[in-house]
Amino acid sequence: MSSSLAIYNSLSRAKEPFEPLHPGIATIYVCGPTVYGHAHLGHAKSYVSFDVVVRWMRHLGLKVKYVQNITDVGHLTDDADEGEDKIQKQARLEKTEPMEIAQYYTRSFYEDMDRLGVERPNIAPTATGHIPEQIALVERLVESGHAYESGGNVYFDVNSFAGYGKLSGRTDQAALQSGGRVAERSDKRNPSDFALWKKAEAGHIMKWNSPWGEGYPGWHLECSAMSMKYLGETIDIHGGGMENKFPHHDCEIAQSEAATGKPYVRCWMHNNMVTVDGVKMGKSLKNFVNLKELFDTFAPLVIRFFILQSHYRSPLDFSEAAIKASQSGFEKLQETYKRLLEATPGEGVDTFKMFIAEDKIVEALNDDFNTPIAISKIFEFVKVLNGALDRPQGLSSKSIDRSIALLETYAGEVLGILKSRDELLSGESGESARTLDEVMEVLLELRKEARANKDFATSDKIRDLLLQRGIEVKDTKEGATWSKKKA
């Protein structure tokens, strides 16, 4: 079935049929976040988009090996080879250790992705956890003549690799030098050369021993080292933001293919950016929308729905009005799903033209993961469904089951924009369920303290008040448990 899937390859600049290198197994590497701040809507667009890629491939029957890294060292403030490490800079601002910054914002990132329904990657390697692999790759490049040491730094010699810049199209030296933003005082042979290993200057905290002295890896190095370690020297798909084509991905291609002599990536996928009034959203521009703050106004699944209403290769312009419009459509989808779950079987015919919708949805997703078209076809199906449910004869049991299966498969399993049955039928959202868990944790802790102090009157009062509100507390040998009483 995977043979019908076509993906736009940023390298060839054309849609190509997807056939994995190893039959039945798809290897995917996606550039993860640099963890020095909370995730914003731009991060959400990227990782929600690639989440659908992975979900759809698994739906097609492929075993997907998905690796998404965490950059916790080496990403400098100018995105090239100059400036301060972003994480070390944030640690200085917050007066703490760089690794504490990295750990804190990594946890924050996964918390936000979990709330968006983004499934975790198979492997989430960190740059700091793979220093030996990065040093080994640098040594390999130095030995083969593709890299050189200069004053404790090691640079890749772009003149040694004929294909440098082929992904971004920046193949002329003037463009490469301009793009590199390298100062004249640099110890590089050529301004376009990029850092594989950087010498740690005085006061630099994040540093490791290497054959070239104390230092730290260049930003581009980690993705090559980690992708090849876990997915092999040639991988099926490498994904990331469009802004990473140059210099990041061009540098990955050069260092990887120079080291192995093999094609590094068979298909490059790049998601477009989120904009605010037409300008790219980003931390450096200070126009980003923090996801945690956004979740205070809109449910995470509404944000996911909003993102998927644009194609991953198209820009997504942020405004509260646009998200509110998405919220209306999202709620309509949930209401129809709930109607189906609660519907009483009638005499409606079993074969509807509406089931042609499934073919259209599959066709859209196989066409470079066209989520806006897939969603539009789901809503055409929803319109017909509501019309059938409104008629006196309703839907037959078989039609109800088939309709539920279609929505749960494509809106739920693949796109991740459908609430669970429990949430819909109980009327309780995942957010409110999480809040209730947290509140009950506090109440049970207070009750435990009261019992330890032999204040049984307070302990019993907490239990009785909860029972009046439909929550039953039971004391066991392992501690107190709670559950909602059935209506």
Protein backbone atom coordinates (compact mmCIF):
# COMPACT_ATOMS: atom_id res chain seq x y z
CA MET A 1 0.00 0.00 0.00
CA SER A 2 2.96 2.34 0.66
CA SER A 3 3.72 2.46 -3.08
CA SER A 4 0.80 4.89 -3.58
CA LEU A 5 2.31 7.44 -1.18
CA ALA A 6 4.03 10.39 -2.88
CA ILE A 7 6.21 12.88 -0.94
CA TYR A 8 7.67 16.21 -2.01
CA ASN A 9 11.45 15.87 -1.88
CA SER A 10 13.10 19.22 -1.12
CA LEU A 11 16.32 17.97 -2.75
CA SER A 12 14.81 17.02 -6.12
CA ARG A 13 12.11 19.72 -5.80
CA ALA A 14 9.46 17.26 -6.97
CA LYS A 15 6.94 14.79 -5.59
CA GLU A 16 8.29 11.24 -5.65
CA PRO A 17 6.75 7.84 -4.90
CA PHE A 18 7.90 6.72 -1.48
CA GLU A 19 9.63 3.36 -1.35
CA PRO A 20 11.68 2.70 1.78
CA LEU A 21 15.28 1.55 1.45
CA HIS A 22 14.43 -1.55 3.47
CA PRO A 23 11.03 -3.02 2.49
CA GLY A 24 8.41 -2.56 5.19
CA ILE A 25 10.60 -0.27 7.35
CA ALA A 26 10.69 3.53 7.13
CA THR A 27 13.54 5.41 8.84
CA ILE A 28 12.79 9.02 9.77
CA TYR A 29 14.96 11.63 11.48
CA VAL A 30 13.51 15.04 12.41
CA CYS A 31 15.51 17.91 13.88
CA GLY A 32 14.30 18.45 17.43
CA PRO A 33 14.24 21.65 19.51
CA THR A 34 17.12 23.56 21.03
CA VAL A 35 15.95 23.52 24.64
CA TYR A 36 16.56 27.00 26.07
CA GLY A 37 12.93 28.19 26.30
CA HIS A 38 9.33 27.02 26.26
CA ALA A 39 7.94 25.68 22.99
CA HIS A 40 5.96 28.05 20.76
CA LEU A 41 3.46 27.66 17.94
CA GLY A 42 6.25 27.33 15.36
CA HIS A 43 7.49 24.21 17.16
CA ALA A 44 3.93 22.88 17.28
CA LYS A 45 3.50 23.22 13.49
CA SER A 46 6.66 21.24 12.83
CA TYR A 47 6.12 18.40 15.27
CA VAL A 48 2.37 18.06 14.70
CA SER A 49 3.06 17.88 10.94
CA PHE A 50 5.68 15.15 11.29
CA ASP A 51 3.48 13.35 13.82
CA VAL A 52 0.90 12.91 11.03
CA VAL A 53 3.66 11.68 8.68
CA VAL A 54 4.60 8.97 11.17
CA ARG A 55 0.97 8.09 12.00
CA TRP A 56 0.02 7.77 8.32
CA MET A 57 3.00 5.58 7.48
CA ARG A 58 2.16 3.28 10.37
CA HIS A 59 -1.44 3.19 9.19
CA LEU A 60 -0.17 2.08 5.78
CA GLY A 61 1.49 -0.88 7.49
CA LEU A 62 5.08 0.36 7.62
CA LYS A 63 7.24 -0.15 10.68
CA VAL A 64 8.51 3.36 11.37
CA LYS A 65 11.79 3.98 13.18
CA TYR A 66 11.44 7.61 14.23
CA VAL A 67 14.33 9.55 15.76
CA GLN A 68 13.97 13.16 16.96
CA ASN A 69 16.93 14.73 18.73
CA ILE A 70 17.25 17.22 21.56
CA THR A 71 19.88 19.93 21.00
CA ASP A 72 21.34 20.70 24.41
CA VAL A 73 24.76 22.04 23.35
CA GLY A 74 26.45 23.65 20.37
CA HIS A 75 23.66 25.83 18.89
CA LEU A 76 25.19 29.30 18.89
CA THR A 77 23.22 32.54 18.99
CA ASP A 78 23.85 33.46 15.33
CA ASP A 79 22.97 29.96 14.06
CA ALA A 80 26.40 29.71 12.38
CA ASP A 81 29.86 29.53 14.00
CA GLU A 82 29.99 32.69 16.09
CA GLY A 83 28.25 33.89 19.23
CA GLU A 84 27.37 32.30 22.54
CA ASP A 85 25.84 28.88 23.12
CA LYS A 86 22.09 29.51 23.42
CA ILE A 87 21.70 27.23 26.43
CA GLN A 88 24.75 28.61 28.24
CA LYS A 89 23.44 32.14 27.62
CA GLN A 90 20.04 31.24 29.09
CA ALA A 91 21.74 29.61 32.08
CA ARG A 92 23.65 32.84 32.70
CA LEU A 93 20.42 34.87 32.48
CA GLU A 94 18.62 32.52 34.89
CA LYS A 95 21.73 32.17 37.13
CA THR A 96 21.83 28.39 37.03
CA GLU A 97 23.62 25.48 35.34
CA PRO A 98 23.28 24.92 31.57
CA MET A 99 22.23 21.30 32.08
CA GLU A 100 19.46 22.40 34.45
CA ILE A 101 18.21 24.73 31.71
CA ALA A 102 18.32 21.90 29.16
CA GLN A 103 16.55 19.42 31.44
CA TYR A 104 13.86 21.89 32.48
CA TYR A 105 12.96 22.98 28.97
CA THR A 106 13.15 19.44 27.62
CA ARG A 107 10.50 18.40 30.15
CA SER A 108 8.47 21.47 29.23
CA PHE A 109 8.71 20.61 25.51
CA TYR A 110 7.44 17.05 25.97
CA GLU A 111 4.66 18.25 28.27
CA ASP A 112 3.40 20.55 25.51
CA MET A 113 3.77 17.91 22.78
CA ASP A 114 1.89 15.36 24.90
CA ARG A 115 -0.99 17.81 25.29
CA LEU A 116 -1.03 18.32 21.50
CA GLY A 117 -1.32 14.56 21.00
CA VAL A 118 2.14 14.32 19.42
CA GLU A 119 3.36 10.75 19.85
CA ARG A 120 6.84 10.35 21.29
CA PRO A 121 9.67 9.35 18.91
CA ASN A 122 11.16 5.87 19.16
CA ILE A 123 14.48 7.44 20.17
CA ALA A 124 15.12 10.97 21.47
CA PRO A 125 18.92 11.30 21.65
CA THR A 126 20.63 14.34 23.14
CA ALA A 127 23.72 16.06 21.74
CA THR A 128 25.49 15.92 25.12
CA GLY A 129 24.79 12.19 25.33
CA HIS A 130 26.61 11.54 22.03
CA ILE A 131 29.87 13.45 22.34
CA PRO A 132 32.03 10.32 21.62
CA GLU A 133 30.11 9.64 18.39
CA GLN A 134 30.54 13.25 17.29
CA ILE A 135 34.27 13.25 18.03
CA ALA A 136 34.63 9.98 16.08
CA LEU A 137 32.89 11.54 13.05
CA VAL A 138 35.20 14.57 13.19
CA GLU A 139 38.27 12.29 13.35
CA ARG A 140 36.98 10.40 10.32
CA LEU A 141 36.63 13.64 8.35
CA VAL A 142 40.07 14.93 9.38
CA GLU A 143 41.70 11.63 8.39
CA SER A 144 40.01 11.67 4.97
CA GLY A 145 41.11 15.25 4.26
CA HIS A 146 37.62 16.80 4.44
CA ALA A 147 38.33 18.68 7.69
CA TYR A 148 41.27 20.51 9.29
CA GLU A 149 42.29 21.74 12.74
CA SER A 150 43.08 25.39 13.30
CA GLY A 151 43.85 26.84 16.73
CA GLY A 152 41.86 24.19 18.60
CA ASN A 153 38.88 24.46 16.24
CA VAL A 154 38.09 21.90 13.56
CA TYR A 155 36.40 23.02 10.34
CA PHE A 156 34.87 21.21 7.39
CA ASP A 157 36.53 22.20 4.12
CA VAL A 158 33.61 22.93 1.81
CA ASN A 159 35.92 22.95 -1.23
CA SER A 160 36.55 19.24 -0.60
CA PHE A 161 32.88 18.40 -1.21
CA ALA A 162 31.52 19.23 -4.65
CA GLY A 163 27.84 19.07 -3.68
CA TYR A 164 27.88 21.61 -0.85
CA GLY A 165 24.75 23.77 -0.97
CA LYS A 166 22.76 21.46 -3.26
CA LEU A 167 19.76 21.32 -0.92
CA SER A 168 19.30 25.04 -0.41
CA GLY A 169 20.54 25.94 -3.90
CA ARG A 170 23.28 28.18 -2.46
CA THR A 171 26.08 26.74 -4.59
CA ASP A 172 27.99 29.90 -5.52
CA GLN A 173 30.72 30.99 -3.12
CA ALA A 174 29.39 34.53 -2.76
CA ALA A 175 26.04 33.26 -1.50
CA LEU A 176 27.69 30.73 0.79
CA GLN A 177 30.02 33.32 2.31
CA SER A 178 27.17 35.76 2.80
CA GLY A 179 25.00 33.05 4.34
CA GLY A 180 27.69 31.96 6.73
CA ARG A 181 27.95 35.39 8.42
CA VAL A 182 31.59 34.74 9.31
CA ALA A 183 33.85 37.54 10.49
CA GLU A 184 37.11 38.38 8.72
CA ARG A 185 39.15 37.52 11.82
CA SER A 186 38.11 33.87 11.55
CA ASP A 187 40.83 31.20 11.45
CA LYS A 188 39.05 29.36 8.64
CA ARG A 189 40.75 28.69 5.32
CA ASN A 190 37.57 29.71 3.55
CA PRO A 191 34.76 31.86 5.01
CA SER A 192 32.25 29.18 3.89
CA ASP A 193 33.90 26.43 5.96
CA PHE A 194 31.83 25.43 8.98
CA ALA A 195 32.75 24.32 12.49
CA LEU A 196 32.75 20.65 13.43
CA TRP A 197 34.43 21.22 16.80
CA LYS A 198 34.82 24.53 18.65
CA LYS A 199 37.55 25.42 21.11
CA ALA A 200 36.16 26.28 24.54
CA GLU A 201 37.22 29.79 25.46
CA ALA A 202 37.84 30.84 29.05
CA GLY A 203 34.63 30.71 31.08
CA HIS A 204 32.86 28.34 28.71
CA ILE A 205 31.06 25.79 30.93
CA MET A 206 29.86 23.16 28.44
CA LYS A 207 33.07 21.53 27.24
CA TRP A 208 34.62 18.11 26.75
CA ASN A 209 38.10 16.68 26.17
CA SER A 210 38.96 15.89 22.55
CA PRO A 211 42.04 15.21 20.39
CA TRP A 212 42.07 18.99 19.66
CA GLY A 213 41.78 20.12 23.28
CA GLU A 214 38.79 21.10 25.41
CA GLY A 215 35.81 22.15 23.38
CA TYR A 216 32.30 21.35 22.21
CA PRO A 217 30.66 20.11 18.99
CA GLY A 218 29.38 22.36 16.23
CA TRP A 219 25.61 22.55 15.87
CA HIS A 220 25.44 20.65 12.57
CA LEU A 221 27.49 17.68 13.74
CA GLU A 222 25.04 16.10 16.18
CA CYS A 223 22.31 15.26 13.66
CA SER A 224 24.69 13.40 11.34
CA ALA A 225 26.27 11.44 14.19
CA MET A 226 23.00 10.48 15.85
CA SER A 227 20.95 9.74 12.75
CA MET A 228 23.64 7.43 11.37
CA LYS A 229 24.10 5.74 14.75
CA TYR A 230 20.42 4.80 15.05
CA LEU A 231 19.15 4.68 11.46
CA GLY A 232 22.18 3.81 9.34
CA GLU A 233 24.39 5.75 6.93
CA THR A 234 21.50 6.29 4.49
CA ILE A 235 18.06 7.17 5.87
CA ASP A 236 14.68 7.38 4.15
CA ILE A 237 13.42 10.75 5.38
CA HIS A 238 15.02 13.69 7.13
CA GLY A 239 12.64 16.42 8.28
CA GLY A 240 12.90 19.88 9.75
CA GLY A 241 11.92 23.49 9.34
CA MET A 242 12.40 25.22 6.00
CA GLU A 243 14.79 27.68 7.67
CA ASN A 244 17.16 24.78 8.40
CA LYS A 245 17.95 24.05 4.73
CA PHE A 246 20.91 26.42 4.99
CA PRO A 247 23.22 26.18 6.73
CA HIS A 248 22.16 23.27 8.93
CA HIS A 249 20.99 20.64 6.46
CA ASP A 250 23.48 21.57 3.75
CA CYS A 251 26.21 21.04 6.33
CA GLU A 252 24.71 17.71 7.43
CA ILE A 253 24.74 16.44 3.85
CA ALA A 254 28.34 17.53 3.28
CA GLN A 255 29.83 16.03 6.43
CA SER A 256 27.80 12.82 6.23
CA GLU A 257 28.37 12.04 2.56
CA ALA A 258 32.04 13.05 2.78
CA ALA A 259 32.47 10.58 5.65
CA THR A 260 30.60 7.62 4.15
CA GLY A 261 30.69 8.12 0.39
CA LYS A 262 26.97 7.22 0.38
CA PRO A 263 23.78 9.25 -0.11
CA TYR A 264 22.84 10.58 3.33
CA VAL A 265 19.07 11.13 2.90
CA ARG A 266 16.78 9.78 0.21
CA CYS A 267 13.94 12.26 0.82
CA TRP A 268 14.19 15.66 2.51
CA MET A 269 10.98 17.10 3.98
CA HIS A 270 10.68 20.69 5.19
CA ASN A 271 7.73 22.27 6.94
CA ASN A 272 6.99 25.94 6.39
CA MET A 273 6.93 28.54 9.14
CA VAL A 274 4.30 30.12 11.35
CA THR A 275 3.98 33.84 10.70
CA VAL A 276 2.62 36.80 12.64
CA ASP A 277 1.48 39.55 10.28
CA GLY A 278 3.55 37.92 7.56
CA VAL A 279 6.77 37.78 9.63
CA LYS A 280 8.29 34.46 10.75
CA MET A 281 7.52 33.55 14.36
CA GLY A 282 10.60 32.86 16.45
CA LYS A 283 12.26 33.37 19.82
CA SER A 284 14.99 35.56 18.35
CA LEU A 285 12.39 37.93 16.87
CA LYS A 286 10.43 38.00 20.14
CA ASN A 287 7.11 37.62 18.32
CA PHE A 288 6.46 34.02 19.31
CA VAL A 289 3.34 32.68 21.03
CA ASN A 290 4.17 30.45 23.99
CA LEU A 291 2.16 27.22 23.81
CA LYS A 292 1.51 27.15 27.54
CA GLU A 293 -0.06 30.60 27.35
CA LEU A 294 -1.99 29.62 24.23
CA PHE A 295 -3.39 26.56 26.03
CA ASP A 296 -4.86 28.89 28.67
CA THR A 297 -7.22 30.19 25.97
CA PHE A 298 -7.61 27.27 23.55
CA ALA A 299 -7.70 23.51 24.09
CA PRO A 300 -4.54 21.81 22.75
CA LEU A 301 -6.54 19.72 20.26
CA VAL A 302 -8.02 22.91 18.82
CA ILE A 303 -4.47 24.15 18.21
CA ARG A 304 -3.62 20.84 16.55
CA PHE A 305 -6.73 21.13 14.36
CA PHE A 306 -5.77 24.72 13.45
CA ILE A 307 -2.27 23.60 12.41
CA LEU A 308 -3.50 20.72 10.25
CA GLN A 309 -5.87 22.96 8.34
CA SER A 310 -2.78 24.23 6.53
CA HIS A 311 -0.45 22.01 4.50
CA TYR A 312 2.88 21.34 6.16
CA ARG A 313 4.71 23.07 3.26
CA SER A 314 2.48 26.15 3.47
CA PRO A 315 2.96 29.04 5.92
CA LEU A 316 0.49 29.30 8.79
CA ASP A 317 -0.48 32.85 9.79
CA PHE A 318 -1.34 33.18 13.46
CA SER A 319 -4.29 35.13 14.79
CA GLU A 320 -6.79 34.47 17.56
CA ALA A 321 -9.62 34.97 15.06
CA ALA A 322 -8.25 32.17 12.88
CA ILE A 323 -7.98 29.80 15.84
CA LYS A 324 -11.53 30.67 16.95
CA ALA A 325 -12.76 29.76 13.46
CA SER A 326 -10.93 26.44 13.77
CA GLN A 327 -12.47 25.89 17.18
CA SER A 328 -15.94 26.10 15.67
CA GLY A 329 -15.11 23.40 13.12
CA PHE A 330 -13.40 21.26 15.73
CA GLU A 331 -16.46 21.37 17.99
CA LYS A 332 -18.74 20.46 15.08
CA LEU A 333 -16.64 17.36 14.42
CA GLN A 334 -16.82 16.29 18.07
CA GLU A 335 -20.59 16.86 18.19
CA THR A 336 -21.15 14.64 15.15
CA TYR A 337 -18.95 11.91 16.61
CA LYS A 338 -20.93 12.10 19.86
CA ARG A 339 -24.22 11.88 17.95
CA LEU A 340 -23.01 8.68 16.32
CA LEU A 341 -21.91 7.16 19.62
CA GLU A 342 -25.32 7.92 21.18
CA ALA A 343 -27.44 7.16 18.10
CA THR A 344 -30.21 4.59 18.27
CA PRO A 345 -30.04 2.26 15.22
CA GLY A 346 -32.80 2.91 12.71
CA GLU A 347 -33.84 1.65 9.29
CA GLY A 348 -31.48 3.79 7.18
CA VAL A 349 -29.81 2.02 4.27
CA ASP A 350 -26.40 0.43 4.85
CA THR A 351 -24.71 1.61 1.67
CA PHE A 352 -24.23 5.35 1.43
CA LYS A 353 -22.41 7.39 -1.14
CA MET A 354 -20.83 9.02 1.90
CA PHE A 355 -18.41 6.12 2.23
CA ILE A 356 -16.74 7.31 -0.96
CA ALA A 357 -15.26 9.89 1.44
CA GLU A 358 -12.78 7.31 2.68
CA ASP A 359 -11.17 7.01 -0.76
CA LYS A 360 -10.89 10.79 -0.98
CA ILE A 361 -9.29 11.03 2.47
CA VAL A 362 -6.75 8.33 1.62
CA GLU A 363 -6.02 10.02 -1.70
CA ALA A 364 -5.32 13.33 0.06
CA LEU A 365 -3.02 11.84 2.68
CA ASN A 366 -1.13 9.85 0.06
CA ASP A 367 -0.61 13.11 -1.85
CA ASP A 368 2.24 14.50 0.27
CA PHE A 369 0.19 14.34 3.50
CA ASN A 370 -2.37 16.91 2.38
CA THR A 371 -4.14 17.36 5.72
CA PRO A 372 -6.32 20.36 4.74
CA ILE A 373 -7.88 18.38 1.87
CA ALA A 374 -8.26 15.30 4.10
CA ILE A 375 -10.03 17.42 6.73
CA SER A 376 -12.30 18.98 4.11
CA LYS A 377 -13.31 15.47 2.96
CA ILE A 378 -14.00 14.46 6.56
CA PHE A 379 -16.31 17.47 6.89
CA GLU A 380 -18.13 16.58 3.67
CA PHE A 381 -18.71 13.19 5.28
CA VAL A 382 -19.86 14.86 8.52
CA LYS A 383 -22.41 16.96 6.62
CA VAL A 384 -23.94 13.88 4.99
CA LEU A 385 -23.86 12.04 8.31
CA ASN A 386 -25.77 14.76 10.14
CA GLY A 387 -28.35 14.84 7.36
CA ALA A 388 -28.86 11.08 7.67
CA LEU A 389 -29.09 11.25 11.46
CA ASP A 390 -31.70 14.02 11.18
CA ARG A 391 -34.03 11.89 9.06
CA PRO A 392 -36.74 9.85 10.85
CA GLN A 393 -35.30 6.51 9.67
CA GLY A 394 -31.87 7.44 11.04
CA LEU A 395 -28.95 5.09 10.32
CA SER A 396 -28.80 1.34 10.51
CA SER A 397 -26.56 -0.33 13.08
CA LYS A 398 -24.09 -1.30 10.36
CA SER A 399 -23.93 2.27 9.02
CA ILE A 400 -23.38 3.68 12.50
CA ASP A 401 -20.53 1.24 13.12
CA ARG A 402 -18.92 1.99 9.75
CA SER A 403 -19.23 5.74 10.30
CA ILE A 404 -17.70 5.55 13.77
CA ALA A 405 -14.85 3.44 12.42
CA LEU A 406 -14.16 5.93 9.63
CA LEU A 407 -14.00 8.91 12.00
CA GLU A 408 -11.94 7.07 14.59
CA THR A 409 -9.48 5.89 11.95
CA TYR A 410 -8.86 9.10 10.02
CA ALA A 411 -9.84 11.93 12.38
CA GLY A 412 -8.61 10.02 15.42
CA GLU A 413 -5.83 7.52 14.73
CA VAL A 414 -4.22 9.38 11.81
CA LEU A 415 -4.92 13.10 12.28
CA GLY A 416 -5.31 13.05 16.06
CA ILE A 417 -8.15 15.62 16.07
CA LEU A 418 -10.88 13.52 17.70
CA LYS A 419 -11.60 13.43 21.41
CA SER A 420 -11.74 10.03 23.05
CA ARG A 421 -15.08 8.30 23.60
CA ASP A 422 -14.71 8.69 27.35
CA GLU A 423 -14.15 12.44 27.11
CA LEU A 424 -17.16 12.95 24.86
CA LEU A 425 -19.62 10.72 26.69
CA SER A 426 -18.62 11.87 30.18
CA GLY A 427 -18.58 15.50 29.09
CA GLU A 428 -15.16 15.86 30.69
CA SER A 429 -12.17 17.06 28.71
CA GLY A 430 -8.67 15.72 29.12
CA GLU A 431 -7.67 19.07 30.64
CA SER A 432 -10.37 18.99 33.31
CA ALA A 433 -9.57 15.35 34.07
CA ARG A 434 -5.93 16.31 34.64
CA THR A 435 -6.99 19.16 36.93
CA LEU A 436 -9.24 16.83 38.94
CA ASP A 437 -6.36 14.38 39.39
CA GLU A 438 -4.16 17.17 40.70
CA VAL A 439 -6.84 18.46 43.10
CA MET A 440 -7.53 14.95 44.43
CA GLU A 441 -3.82 14.40 44.98
CA VAL A 442 -3.75 17.47 47.25
CA LEU A 443 -6.93 16.49 49.15
CA LEU A 444 -5.73 12.94 49.77
CA GLU A 445 -2.39 14.27 51.02
CA LEU A 446 -4.21 16.59 53.47
CA ARG A 447 -6.40 13.69 54.60
CA LYS A 448 -3.30 11.52 55.08
CA GLU A 449 -1.71 14.19 57.30
CA ALA A 450 -4.91 14.51 59.31
CA ARG A 451 -5.01 10.74 59.95
CA ALA A 452 -1.32 10.72 60.89
CA ASN A 453 -2.10 13.44 63.47
CA LYS A 454 -5.08 11.38 64.68
CA ASP A 455 -7.41 14.17 63.53
CA PHE A 456 -10.03 11.70 62.37
CA ALA A 457 -12.80 14.30 62.40
CA THR A 458 -11.08 16.28 59.60
CA SER A 459 -10.19 13.07 57.75
CA ASP A 460 -13.80 11.89 57.83
CA LYS A 461 -15.12 15.32 56.86
CA ILE A 462 -12.95 15.38 53.71
CA ARG A 463 -14.16 11.89 52.81
CA ASP A 464 -17.83 12.72 53.43
CA LEU A 465 -17.74 16.01 51.51
CA LEU A 466 -16.16 14.25 48.54
CA LEU A 467 -18.78 11.51 48.69
CA GLN A 468 -21.55 14.12 48.56
CA ARG A 469 -19.98 15.31 45.30
CA GLY A 470 -19.87 11.86 43.77
CA ILE A 471 -16.28 10.90 44.62
CA GLU A 472 -15.72 7.83 46.78
CA VAL A 473 -12.52 7.48 48.84
CA LYS A 474 -11.39 4.06 50.04
CA ASP A 475 -8.58 3.32 52.51
CA THR A 476 -6.38 0.34 51.62
CA LYS A 477 -3.11 -1.11 52.92
CA GLU A 478 -1.29 0.71 50.08
CA GLY A 479 -2.99 4.03 50.87
CA ALA A 480 -6.17 5.88 49.94
CA THR A 481 -7.73 5.51 46.49
CA TRP A 482 -10.59 7.41 44.90
CA SER A 483 -13.11 6.88 42.15
CA LYS A 484 -16.20 8.52 40.73
CA LYS A 485 -19.47 6.95 41.78
CA LYS A 486 -21.49 5.62 38.87
CA ALA A 487 -24.66 7.56 38.20
